[in-house]
Amino acid sequence: MELKTMNTSTAKSSFNHLRGLKLAALAIGTSFVLAGCAGNPPTEQYAVTQSAVNSAVSAGGTEYAAVEMKAAQDKLKEAELAMHDKNYDKARMLAEQAEWDARVAERKAQAAKAEQAVKDSQKAVEELRKEGMRPAAIQQK
């Protein structure tokens, strides 16, 4: 009976010890990943941002969301300069901001185009209604 009690308490302390080791390993691993990010150029983020800016331009962002497009393009240029100066944290931050500005510009452009399409459709429906009423007016005379 004495032996069982010792095994049980040893198992519990081993479990807590392993849990503590796992948490410590996770914390250390996360620290290394974050430290590694600080010294590496944000090339992936930069590529994503360039893609977002190009997509916004294609969607008509320069026409329908000029302010957001200008902000995105300016921040992208600043990010490129920061990468050149090896200020990777600043470059990453600027690239992320530029990406979101470009996405806002793209959505605004899409919304403006959709709104225009609705207006055009309503105008076409109104013209069809007027044409439909025309023969009835001619017949009544």
N, C-alpha and C. Protein backbone atom coordinates (compact mmCIF):
# COMPACT_ATOMS: atom_id res chain seq x y z
N MET A 1 0.81 -1.18 0.00
CA MET A 1 0.00 0.00 0.00
C MET A 1 0.87 1.26 0.00
N GLU A 2 1.92 1.21 0.68
CA GLU A 2 2.83 2.33 0.73
C GLU A 2 3.43 2.59 -0.66
N LEU A 3 3.67 1.54 -1.40
CA LEU A 3 4.24 1.65 -2.73
C LEU A 3 3.29 2.35 -3.69
N LYS A 4 1.99 2.04 -3.61
CA LYS A 4 1.01 2.69 -4.49
C LYS A 4 0.94 4.18 -4.24
N THR A 5 0.98 4.59 -3.00
CA THR A 5 0.93 6.01 -2.68
C THR A 5 2.12 6.74 -3.28
N MET A 6 3.27 6.14 -3.22
CA MET A 6 4.47 6.78 -3.77
C MET A 6 4.38 6.88 -5.28
N ASN A 7 3.88 5.85 -5.95
CA ASN A 7 3.76 5.90 -7.40
C ASN A 7 2.78 6.99 -7.83
N THR A 8 1.69 7.10 -7.11
CA THR A 8 0.68 8.09 -7.46
C THR A 8 1.23 9.49 -7.31
N SER A 9 1.88 9.77 -6.22
CA SER A 9 2.42 11.11 -6.02
C SER A 9 3.55 11.40 -7.02
N THR A 10 4.33 10.40 -7.37
CA THR A 10 5.39 10.57 -8.35
C THR A 10 4.79 10.84 -9.73
N ALA A 11 3.71 10.15 -10.07
CA ALA A 11 3.07 10.36 -11.35
C ALA A 11 2.51 11.77 -11.45
N LYS A 12 1.91 12.26 -10.38
CA LYS A 12 1.36 13.61 -10.40
C LYS A 12 2.47 14.65 -10.54
N SER A 13 3.54 14.50 -9.79
CA SER A 13 4.62 15.48 -9.88
C SER A 13 5.30 15.41 -11.25
N SER A 14 5.39 14.22 -11.84
CA SER A 14 5.97 14.08 -13.18
C SER A 14 5.10 14.79 -14.21
N PHE A 15 3.79 14.65 -14.06
CA PHE A 15 2.88 15.29 -15.00
C PHE A 15 3.01 16.81 -14.91
N ASN A 16 3.04 17.33 -13.69
CA ASN A 16 3.20 18.78 -13.51
C ASN A 16 4.55 19.25 -14.03
N HIS A 17 5.57 18.45 -13.80
CA HIS A 17 6.91 18.79 -14.28
C HIS A 17 6.94 18.82 -15.81
N LEU A 18 6.32 17.81 -16.45
CA LEU A 18 6.28 17.78 -17.92
C LEU A 18 5.46 18.95 -18.46
N ARG A 19 4.39 19.25 -17.79
CA ARG A 19 3.55 20.37 -18.23
C ARG A 19 4.35 21.67 -18.18
N GLY A 20 5.10 21.85 -17.10
CA GLY A 20 5.93 23.04 -16.97
C GLY A 20 7.00 23.10 -18.05
N LEU A 21 7.59 21.95 -18.37
CA LEU A 21 8.60 21.90 -19.42
C LEU A 21 8.00 22.23 -20.78
N LYS A 22 6.80 21.71 -21.02
CA LYS A 22 6.14 22.00 -22.30
C LYS A 22 5.85 23.49 -22.44
N LEU A 23 5.36 24.10 -21.37
CA LEU A 23 5.07 25.54 -21.42
C LEU A 23 6.35 26.35 -21.62
N ALA A 24 7.42 25.95 -20.94
CA ALA A 24 8.69 26.65 -21.09
C ALA A 24 9.22 26.50 -22.51
N ALA A 25 9.11 25.30 -23.07
CA ALA A 25 9.57 25.07 -24.44
C ALA A 25 8.75 25.90 -25.42
N LEU A 26 7.46 25.98 -25.19
CA LEU A 26 6.59 26.78 -26.06
C LEU A 26 6.97 28.25 -25.98
N ALA A 27 7.21 28.74 -24.78
CA ALA A 27 7.59 30.15 -24.61
C ALA A 27 8.93 30.44 -25.29
N ILE A 28 9.88 29.55 -25.13
CA ILE A 28 11.19 29.74 -25.76
C ILE A 28 11.07 29.68 -27.28
N GLY A 29 10.31 28.72 -27.77
CA GLY A 29 10.12 28.60 -29.22
C GLY A 29 9.46 29.84 -29.80
N THR A 30 8.46 30.35 -29.12
CA THR A 30 7.78 31.56 -29.58
C THR A 30 8.75 32.74 -29.58
N SER A 31 9.58 32.82 -28.56
CA SER A 31 10.57 33.90 -28.51
C SER A 31 11.52 33.84 -29.69
N PHE A 32 11.96 32.63 -30.02
CA PHE A 32 12.87 32.48 -31.16
C PHE A 32 12.19 32.86 -32.47
N VAL A 33 10.94 32.47 -32.62
CA VAL A 33 10.21 32.81 -33.84
C VAL A 33 10.06 34.31 -33.95
N LEU A 34 9.66 34.96 -32.86
CA LEU A 34 9.49 36.41 -32.89
C LEU A 34 10.81 37.12 -33.11
N ALA A 35 11.85 36.64 -32.49
CA ALA A 35 13.16 37.25 -32.69
C ALA A 35 13.64 37.04 -34.12
N GLY A 36 13.33 35.89 -34.68
CA GLY A 36 13.72 35.61 -36.07
C GLY A 36 12.99 36.51 -37.04
N CYS A 37 11.73 36.83 -36.74
CA CYS A 37 10.95 37.70 -37.62
C CYS A 37 11.53 39.11 -37.66
N ALA A 38 12.08 39.56 -36.54
CA ALA A 38 12.58 40.92 -36.47
C ALA A 38 13.79 41.12 -37.37
N GLY A 39 14.57 40.07 -37.62
CA GLY A 39 15.78 40.21 -38.41
C GLY A 39 15.62 39.81 -39.85
N ASN A 40 14.47 39.33 -40.25
CA ASN A 40 14.27 38.88 -41.63
C ASN A 40 13.46 39.90 -42.40
N PRO A 41 13.81 40.12 -43.65
CA PRO A 41 13.01 41.04 -44.46
C PRO A 41 11.61 40.48 -44.67
N PRO A 42 10.61 41.33 -44.62
CA PRO A 42 9.22 40.88 -44.77
C PRO A 42 8.85 40.70 -46.24
N THR A 43 9.58 39.85 -46.93
CA THR A 43 9.37 39.71 -48.37
C THR A 43 8.00 39.14 -48.70
N GLU A 44 7.52 38.22 -47.87
CA GLU A 44 6.19 37.64 -48.13
C GLU A 44 5.10 38.70 -47.97
N GLN A 45 5.19 39.48 -46.89
CA GLN A 45 4.21 40.55 -46.67
C GLN A 45 4.30 41.58 -47.78
N TYR A 46 5.49 41.89 -48.21
CA TYR A 46 5.68 42.86 -49.29
C TYR A 46 5.01 42.36 -50.57
N ALA A 47 5.18 41.09 -50.87
CA ALA A 47 4.56 40.51 -52.07
C ALA A 47 3.04 40.53 -51.97
N VAL A 48 2.51 40.21 -50.80
CA VAL A 48 1.06 40.24 -50.59
C VAL A 48 0.54 41.66 -50.77
N THR A 49 1.29 42.62 -50.26
CA THR A 49 0.88 44.02 -50.37
C THR A 49 0.90 44.48 -51.82
N GLN A 50 1.95 44.12 -52.55
CA GLN A 50 2.00 44.48 -53.97
C GLN A 50 0.82 43.89 -54.72
N SER A 51 0.49 42.67 -54.41
CA SER A 51 -0.65 42.02 -55.05
C SER A 51 -1.95 42.76 -54.72
N ALA A 52 -2.11 43.15 -53.46
CA ALA A 52 -3.32 43.87 -53.05
C ALA A 52 -3.42 45.23 -53.74
N VAL A 53 -2.29 45.91 -53.87
CA VAL A 53 -2.29 47.22 -54.55
C VAL A 53 -2.64 47.03 -56.03
N ASN A 54 -2.04 46.04 -56.67
CA ASN A 54 -2.34 45.78 -58.09
C ASN A 54 -3.81 45.42 -58.27
N SER A 55 -4.35 44.63 -57.36
CA SER A 55 -5.75 44.23 -57.44
C SER A 55 -6.66 45.45 -57.27
N ALA A 56 -6.30 46.33 -56.36
CA ALA A 56 -7.09 47.55 -56.14
C ALA A 56 -7.06 48.45 -57.37
N VAL A 57 -5.90 48.56 -57.99
CA VAL A 57 -5.80 49.37 -59.21
C VAL A 57 -6.67 48.76 -60.31
N SER A 58 -6.62 47.43 -60.45
CA SER A 58 -7.43 46.74 -61.46
C SER A 58 -8.92 46.92 -61.21
N ALA A 59 -9.30 46.99 -59.95
CA ALA A 59 -10.72 47.14 -59.59
C ALA A 59 -11.21 48.57 -59.79
N GLY A 60 -10.29 49.49 -60.07
CA GLY A 60 -10.69 50.88 -60.26
C GLY A 60 -10.46 51.74 -59.04
N GLY A 61 -9.61 51.30 -58.15
CA GLY A 61 -9.34 52.04 -56.93
C GLY A 61 -8.84 53.45 -57.16
N THR A 62 -8.04 53.66 -58.20
CA THR A 62 -7.52 55.00 -58.47
C THR A 62 -8.64 55.97 -58.85
N GLU A 63 -9.68 55.44 -59.45
CA GLU A 63 -10.81 56.29 -59.87
C GLU A 63 -11.82 56.47 -58.74
N TYR A 64 -12.18 55.39 -58.06
CA TYR A 64 -13.26 55.42 -57.09
C TYR A 64 -12.79 55.63 -55.64
N ALA A 65 -11.53 55.39 -55.34
CA ALA A 65 -11.02 55.53 -53.98
C ALA A 65 -9.60 56.10 -54.05
N ALA A 66 -9.49 57.29 -54.59
CA ALA A 66 -8.18 57.89 -54.86
C ALA A 66 -7.36 58.11 -53.58
N VAL A 67 -8.01 58.51 -52.51
CA VAL A 67 -7.29 58.80 -51.26
C VAL A 67 -6.67 57.52 -50.70
N GLU A 68 -7.46 56.46 -50.65
CA GLU A 68 -6.96 55.19 -50.11
C GLU A 68 -5.87 54.60 -51.01
N MET A 69 -6.03 54.74 -52.32
CA MET A 69 -5.01 54.22 -53.24
C MET A 69 -3.70 54.97 -53.08
N LYS A 70 -3.80 56.28 -52.95
CA LYS A 70 -2.58 57.08 -52.77
C LYS A 70 -1.88 56.69 -51.47
N ALA A 71 -2.66 56.50 -50.41
CA ALA A 71 -2.08 56.10 -49.12
C ALA A 71 -1.40 54.74 -49.25
N ALA A 72 -2.06 53.80 -49.92
CA ALA A 72 -1.49 52.46 -50.09
C ALA A 72 -0.19 52.51 -50.89
N GLN A 73 -0.20 53.25 -51.98
CA GLN A 73 0.99 53.33 -52.82
C GLN A 73 2.14 54.05 -52.11
N ASP A 74 1.82 55.10 -51.36
CA ASP A 74 2.86 55.81 -50.62
C ASP A 74 3.47 54.92 -49.53
N LYS A 75 2.62 54.21 -48.81
CA LYS A 75 3.13 53.34 -47.74
C LYS A 75 3.93 52.18 -48.33
N LEU A 76 3.54 51.70 -49.48
CA LEU A 76 4.29 50.63 -50.12
C LEU A 76 5.69 51.13 -50.50
N LYS A 77 5.78 52.35 -51.01
CA LYS A 77 7.08 52.93 -51.34
C LYS A 77 7.93 53.12 -50.08
N GLU A 78 7.30 53.59 -48.99
CA GLU A 78 8.01 53.75 -47.73
C GLU A 78 8.50 52.40 -47.21
N ALA A 79 7.68 51.37 -47.36
CA ALA A 79 8.07 50.02 -46.92
C ALA A 79 9.27 49.54 -47.72
N GLU A 80 9.27 49.83 -49.01
CA GLU A 80 10.40 49.43 -49.86
C GLU A 80 11.69 50.14 -49.41
N LEU A 81 11.57 51.42 -49.09
CA LEU A 81 12.74 52.16 -48.60
C LEU A 81 13.22 51.61 -47.25
N ALA A 82 12.27 51.28 -46.38
CA ALA A 82 12.64 50.72 -45.07
C ALA A 82 13.32 49.37 -45.23
N MET A 83 12.86 48.57 -46.19
CA MET A 83 13.51 47.28 -46.44
C MET A 83 14.93 47.51 -46.96
N HIS A 84 15.08 48.48 -47.83
CA HIS A 84 16.41 48.80 -48.37
C HIS A 84 17.36 49.23 -47.25
N ASP A 85 16.81 49.96 -46.27
CA ASP A 85 17.61 50.40 -45.12
C ASP A 85 17.72 49.32 -44.04
N LYS A 86 17.15 48.16 -44.30
CA LYS A 86 17.15 47.01 -43.38
C LYS A 86 16.43 47.31 -42.06
N ASN A 87 15.46 48.19 -42.13
CA ASN A 87 14.59 48.46 -40.99
C ASN A 87 13.33 47.61 -41.20
N TYR A 88 13.47 46.31 -40.92
CA TYR A 88 12.46 45.34 -41.29
C TYR A 88 11.16 45.47 -40.49
N ASP A 89 11.25 45.87 -39.24
CA ASP A 89 10.02 46.05 -38.45
C ASP A 89 9.17 47.17 -39.04
N LYS A 90 9.80 48.28 -39.38
CA LYS A 90 9.08 49.39 -39.98
C LYS A 90 8.54 48.99 -41.35
N ALA A 91 9.34 48.26 -42.11
CA ALA A 91 8.91 47.83 -43.44
C ALA A 91 7.69 46.92 -43.34
N ARG A 92 7.69 46.01 -42.39
CA ARG A 92 6.56 45.10 -42.20
C ARG A 92 5.30 45.87 -41.82
N MET A 93 5.45 46.80 -40.88
CA MET A 93 4.31 47.59 -40.42
C MET A 93 3.72 48.41 -41.57
N LEU A 94 4.59 49.07 -42.33
CA LEU A 94 4.12 49.88 -43.46
C LEU A 94 3.48 49.02 -44.54
N ALA A 95 4.05 47.86 -44.80
CA ALA A 95 3.49 46.96 -45.81
C ALA A 95 2.11 46.48 -45.38
N GLU A 96 1.94 46.17 -44.10
CA GLU A 96 0.62 45.74 -43.62
C GLU A 96 -0.40 46.86 -43.75
N GLN A 97 0.00 48.07 -43.38
CA GLN A 97 -0.91 49.21 -43.51
C GLN A 97 -1.26 49.47 -44.97
N ALA A 98 -0.28 49.37 -45.84
CA ALA A 98 -0.53 49.57 -47.26
C ALA A 98 -1.47 48.51 -47.81
N GLU A 99 -1.31 47.28 -47.33
CA GLU A 99 -2.21 46.20 -47.78
C GLU A 99 -3.65 46.53 -47.41
N TRP A 100 -3.87 46.97 -46.18
CA TRP A 100 -5.24 47.26 -45.75
C TRP A 100 -5.80 48.48 -46.46
N ASP A 101 -4.97 49.49 -46.70
CA ASP A 101 -5.44 50.64 -47.47
C ASP A 101 -5.85 50.20 -48.88
N ALA A 102 -5.06 49.33 -49.48
CA ALA A 102 -5.38 48.84 -50.83
C ALA A 102 -6.66 48.02 -50.81
N ARG A 103 -6.86 47.21 -49.79
CA ARG A 103 -8.08 46.41 -49.70
C ARG A 103 -9.31 47.31 -49.52
N VAL A 104 -9.17 48.37 -48.75
CA VAL A 104 -10.28 49.32 -48.59
C VAL A 104 -10.58 49.99 -49.93
N ALA A 105 -9.54 50.40 -50.64
CA ALA A 105 -9.73 51.03 -51.94
C ALA A 105 -10.42 50.08 -52.91
N GLU A 106 -10.01 48.82 -52.90
CA GLU A 106 -10.63 47.83 -53.79
C GLU A 106 -12.11 47.65 -53.46
N ARG A 107 -12.43 47.55 -52.17
CA ARG A 107 -13.83 47.37 -51.77
C ARG A 107 -14.67 48.59 -52.12
N LYS A 108 -14.09 49.78 -51.92
CA LYS A 108 -14.82 51.01 -52.28
C LYS A 108 -15.10 51.05 -53.78
N ALA A 109 -14.11 50.67 -54.56
CA ALA A 109 -14.28 50.67 -56.02
C ALA A 109 -15.35 49.66 -56.42
N GLN A 110 -15.30 48.49 -55.82
CA GLN A 110 -16.32 47.47 -56.13
C GLN A 110 -17.71 47.96 -55.74
N ALA A 111 -17.81 48.60 -54.59
CA ALA A 111 -19.10 49.11 -54.13
C ALA A 111 -19.62 50.21 -55.06
N ALA A 112 -18.74 51.09 -55.48
CA ALA A 112 -19.13 52.17 -56.38
C ALA A 112 -19.59 51.61 -57.73
N LYS A 113 -18.89 50.61 -58.24
CA LYS A 113 -19.28 49.99 -59.50
C LYS A 113 -20.63 49.27 -59.36
N ALA A 114 -20.83 48.61 -58.24
CA ALA A 114 -22.10 47.92 -58.01
C ALA A 114 -23.24 48.92 -57.91
N GLU A 115 -22.98 50.02 -57.23
CA GLU A 115 -24.00 51.07 -57.11
C GLU A 115 -24.36 51.64 -58.48
N GLN A 116 -23.35 51.85 -59.31
CA GLN A 116 -23.60 52.36 -60.66
C GLN A 116 -24.38 51.34 -61.48
N ALA A 117 -24.07 50.07 -61.32
CA ALA A 117 -24.81 49.02 -62.05
C ALA A 117 -26.27 49.00 -61.62
N VAL A 118 -26.54 49.20 -60.35
CA VAL A 118 -27.92 49.24 -59.87
C VAL A 118 -28.64 50.44 -60.48
N LYS A 119 -27.99 51.59 -60.50
CA LYS A 119 -28.60 52.78 -61.10
C LYS A 119 -28.89 52.57 -62.58
N ASP A 120 -27.94 51.96 -63.28
CA ASP A 120 -28.14 51.69 -64.71
C ASP A 120 -29.30 50.72 -64.92
N SER A 121 -29.40 49.72 -64.08
CA SER A 121 -30.51 48.75 -64.19
C SER A 121 -31.84 49.41 -63.91
N GLN A 122 -31.90 50.27 -62.90
CA GLN A 122 -33.14 50.98 -62.59
C GLN A 122 -33.55 51.90 -63.73
N LYS A 123 -32.59 52.53 -64.34
CA LYS A 123 -32.87 53.40 -65.48
C LYS A 123 -33.42 52.58 -66.66
N ALA A 124 -32.80 51.42 -66.91
CA ALA A 124 -33.27 50.57 -67.99
C ALA A 124 -34.68 50.06 -67.73
N VAL A 125 -34.98 49.71 -66.49
CA VAL A 125 -36.33 49.25 -66.14
C VAL A 125 -37.33 50.37 -66.36
N GLU A 126 -36.97 51.57 -65.96
CA GLU A 126 -37.86 52.72 -66.14
C GLU A 126 -38.12 52.98 -67.62
N GLU A 127 -37.10 52.86 -68.44
CA GLU A 127 -37.27 53.04 -69.89
C GLU A 127 -38.18 51.96 -70.47
N LEU A 128 -38.02 50.74 -70.00
CA LEU A 128 -38.90 49.66 -70.46
C LEU A 128 -40.34 49.92 -70.06
N ARG A 129 -40.55 50.43 -68.86
CA ARG A 129 -41.91 50.75 -68.41
C ARG A 129 -42.54 51.81 -69.30
N LYS A 130 -41.74 52.83 -69.62
CA LYS A 130 -42.25 53.90 -70.47
C LYS A 130 -42.60 53.36 -71.86
N GLU A 131 -41.77 52.47 -72.39
CA GLU A 131 -42.04 51.86 -73.69
C GLU A 131 -43.28 50.99 -73.63
N GLY A 132 -43.46 50.29 -72.54
CA GLY A 132 -44.65 49.45 -72.37
C GLY A 132 -45.91 50.26 -72.29
N MET A 133 -45.83 51.45 -71.77
CA MET A 133 -47.00 52.33 -71.66
C MET A 133 -47.31 53.02 -72.98
N ARG A 134 -46.33 53.15 -73.85
CA ARG A 134 -46.50 53.87 -75.11
C ARG A 134 -47.59 53.24 -76.00
N PRO A 135 -47.57 51.93 -76.26
CA PRO A 135 -48.62 51.37 -77.12
C PRO A 135 -50.01 51.54 -76.52
N ALA A 136 -50.14 51.47 -75.24
CA ALA A 136 -51.44 51.64 -74.60
C ALA A 136 -51.93 53.06 -74.82
N ALA A 137 -51.08 54.02 -74.77
CA ALA A 137 -51.46 55.42 -74.98
C ALA A 137 -51.86 55.65 -76.43
N ILE A 138 -51.18 54.99 -77.36
CA ILE A 138 -51.51 55.13 -78.79
C ILE A 138 -52.87 54.51 -79.08
N GLN A 139 -53.17 53.36 -78.49
CA GLN A 139 -54.42 52.66 -78.72
C GLN A 139 -55.61 53.44 -78.15
N GLN A 140 -55.41 54.16 -77.08
CA GLN A 140 -56.50 54.90 -76.46
C GLN A 140 -56.91 56.09 -77.29
N LYS A 141 -56.05 56.60 -78.11
CA LYS A 141 -56.36 57.77 -78.94
C LYS A 141 -57.23 57.37 -80.03
